[in-house]
Amino acid sequence: SFILFHETYHPGWKLKLKSSDGVIVTPTEHLVADLYGNAWFIDKVGTYTFSIEFEPQKNVLNGFILAGFSFIILLVIILAKNFKKYRRN
């Protein structure tokens, strides 16, 4: 059977299925559904809990963290230069 997810298709969407006995299955067939959405073909019969994650979002979060650290480092450098300047006077 198929699992349909009506969000714009992107290969970055990842589906993880967890069966009732704890086995995690990741379907490999990721298809376009209804000309825009996401569909995954599930070939094993069973009861699953699932999670859908957008993998590229991790890159955005890493970018925010990097930008935050860069801002803090630049702020420390500017404050250190200003502190040396006032200390000389």
C-alpha atoms as a PDB file:
ATOM      1  CA  SER A   1       0.000   0.000   0.000  1.00  0.00           C
ATOM      2  CA  PHE A   2       0.972   3.652  -0.183  1.00  0.00           C
ATOM      3  CA  ILE A   3       1.369   6.374   2.421  1.00  0.00           C
ATOM      4  CA  LEU A   4       0.429   9.761   0.954  1.00  0.00           C
ATOM      5  CA  PHE A   5       1.648  13.057   2.341  1.00  0.00           C
ATOM      6  CA  HIS A   6       0.070  16.090   0.693  1.00  0.00           C
ATOM      7  CA  GLU A   7       2.962  18.499   1.038  1.00  0.00           C
ATOM      8  CA  THR A   8       4.922  19.717  -1.991  1.00  0.00           C
ATOM      9  CA  TYR A   9       7.173  16.933  -3.264  1.00  0.00           C
ATOM     10  CA  HIS A  10      10.840  17.169  -2.390  1.00  0.00           C
ATOM     11  CA  PRO A  11      13.343  14.316  -2.207  1.00  0.00           C
ATOM     12  CA  GLY A  12      14.398  15.630   1.224  1.00  0.00           C
ATOM     13  CA  TRP A  13      11.250  14.272   2.897  1.00  0.00           C
ATOM     14  CA  LYS A  14      12.156  11.091   4.811  1.00  0.00           C
ATOM     15  CA  LEU A  15       9.689   8.561   6.188  1.00  0.00           C
ATOM     16  CA  LYS A  16      10.536   6.238   9.065  1.00  0.00           C
ATOM     17  CA  LEU A  17       8.222   3.434  10.121  1.00  0.00           C
ATOM     18  CA  LYS A  18       8.419   1.675  13.476  1.00  0.00           C
ATOM     19  CA  SER A  19       6.659  -1.667  13.703  1.00  0.00           C
ATOM     20  CA  SER A  20       4.930  -2.946  16.833  1.00  0.00           C
ATOM     21  CA  ASP A  21       7.970  -5.120  17.636  1.00  0.00           C
ATOM     22  CA  GLY A  22      10.346  -2.124  17.521  1.00  0.00           C
ATOM     23  CA  VAL A  23      11.907  -2.677  14.085  1.00  0.00           C
ATOM     24  CA  ILE A  24      12.535   0.588  12.197  1.00  0.00           C
ATOM     25  CA  VAL A  25      11.900   0.453   8.452  1.00  0.00           C
ATOM     26  CA  THR A  26      12.809   3.210   5.987  1.00  0.00           C
ATOM     27  CA  PRO A  27      10.984   2.844   2.649  1.00  0.00           C
ATOM     28  CA  THR A  28      13.203   3.489  -0.355  1.00  0.00           C
ATOM     29  CA  GLU A  29      10.513   4.187  -2.972  1.00  0.00           C
ATOM     30  CA  HIS A  30       9.643   7.877  -2.636  1.00  0.00           C
ATOM     31  CA  LEU A  31       7.231   8.915  -5.386  1.00  0.00           C
ATOM     32  CA  VAL A  32       5.223  11.941  -6.542  1.00  0.00           C
ATOM     33  CA  ALA A  33       1.528  11.677  -5.620  1.00  0.00           C
ATOM     34  CA  ASP A  34      -1.333  13.651  -7.179  1.00  0.00           C
ATOM     35  CA  LEU A  35       1.160  15.609  -9.323  1.00  0.00           C
ATOM     36  CA  TYR A  36       2.593  17.505  -6.317  1.00  0.00           C
ATOM     37  CA  GLY A  37       2.629  15.447  -3.108  1.00  0.00           C
ATOM     38  CA  ASN A  38       4.756  12.720  -1.592  1.00  0.00           C
ATOM     39  CA  ALA A  39       4.030   9.002  -1.580  1.00  0.00           C
ATOM     40  CA  TRP A  40       5.935   6.036  -0.217  1.00  0.00           C
ATOM     41  CA  PHE A  41       5.273   2.429  -1.166  1.00  0.00           C
ATOM     42  CA  ILE A  42       5.096   0.084   1.820  1.00  0.00           C
ATOM     43  CA  ASP A  43       5.594  -3.529   0.808  1.00  0.00           C
ATOM     44  CA  LYS A  44       5.410  -5.114   4.271  1.00  0.00           C
ATOM     45  CA  VAL A  45       2.046  -5.682   5.916  1.00  0.00           C
ATOM     46  CA  GLY A  46       1.791  -4.643   9.553  1.00  0.00           C
ATOM     47  CA  THR A  47       0.910  -1.965  12.051  1.00  0.00           C
ATOM     48  CA  TYR A  48       3.330   0.936  12.141  1.00  0.00           C
ATOM     49  CA  THR A  49       3.855   4.262  13.806  1.00  0.00           C
ATOM     50  CA  PHE A  50       5.526   6.701  11.463  1.00  0.00           C
ATOM     51  CA  SER A  51       7.456   9.934  11.422  1.00  0.00           C
ATOM     52  CA  ILE A  52       8.077  12.225   8.467  1.00  0.00           C
ATOM     53  CA  GLU A  53      11.055  14.574   8.582  1.00  0.00           C
ATOM     54  CA  PHE A  54      12.354  17.209   6.186  1.00  0.00           C
ATOM     55  CA  GLU A  55      16.107  16.524   6.089  1.00  0.00           C
ATOM     56  CA  PRO A  56      17.196  19.916   4.578  1.00  0.00           C
ATOM     57  CA  GLN A  57      15.741  21.662   7.631  1.00  0.00           C
ATOM     58  CA  LYS A  58      18.737  20.379   9.612  1.00  0.00           C
ATOM     59  CA  ASN A  59      20.983  22.517   7.393  1.00  0.00           C
ATOM     60  CA  VAL A  60      18.936  25.622   8.185  1.00  0.00           C
ATOM     61  CA  LEU A  61      19.166  24.983  11.921  1.00  0.00           C
ATOM     62  CA  ASN A  62      22.924  24.405  11.669  1.00  0.00           C
ATOM     63  CA  GLY A  63      23.197  27.701   9.779  1.00  0.00           C
ATOM     64  CA  PHE A  64      21.364  29.563  12.547  1.00  0.00           C
ATOM     65  CA  ILE A  65      23.658  28.054  15.175  1.00  0.00           C
ATOM     66  CA  LEU A  66      26.758  28.957  13.159  1.00  0.00           C
ATOM     67  CA  ALA A  67      25.487  32.514  12.629  1.00  0.00           C
ATOM     68  CA  GLY A  68      24.804  32.867  16.360  1.00  0.00           C
ATOM     69  CA  PHE A  69      28.316  31.723  17.302  1.00  0.00           C
ATOM     70  CA  SER A  70      29.829  34.024  14.680  1.00  0.00           C
ATOM     71  CA  PHE A  71      27.860  36.964  16.063  1.00  0.00           C
ATOM     72  CA  ILE A  72      29.049  36.235  19.601  1.00  0.00           C
ATOM     73  CA  ILE A  73      32.694  35.920  18.481  1.00  0.00           C
ATOM     74  CA  LEU A  74      32.519  39.208  16.551  1.00  0.00           C
ATOM     75  CA  LEU A  75      30.896  40.918  19.527  1.00  0.00           C
ATOM     76  CA  VAL A  76      33.689  39.694  21.829  1.00  0.00           C
ATOM     77  CA  ILE A  77      36.350  40.916  19.374  1.00  0.00           C
ATOM     78  CA  ILE A  78      34.733  44.367  19.116  1.00  0.00           C
ATOM     79  CA  LEU A  79      34.342  44.650  22.882  1.00  0.00           C
ATOM     80  CA  ALA A  80      37.960  43.544  23.430  1.00  0.00           C
ATOM     81  CA  LYS A  81      39.247  46.214  21.016  1.00  0.00           C
ATOM     82  CA  ASN A  82      37.127  48.873  22.691  1.00  0.00           C
ATOM     83  CA  PHE A  83      38.280  47.750  26.139  1.00  0.00           C
ATOM     84  CA  LYS A  84      41.959  48.042  25.080  1.00  0.00           C
ATOM     85  CA  LYS A  85      41.241  51.493  23.634  1.00  0.00           C
ATOM     86  CA  TYR A  86      39.669  52.782  26.876  1.00  0.00           C
ATOM     87  CA  ARG A  87      42.330  51.122  28.996  1.00  0.00           C
ATOM     88  CA  ARG A  88      45.099  53.052  27.209  1.00  0.00           C
ATOM     89  CA  ASN A  89      43.359  56.362  27.884  1.00  0.00           C
END
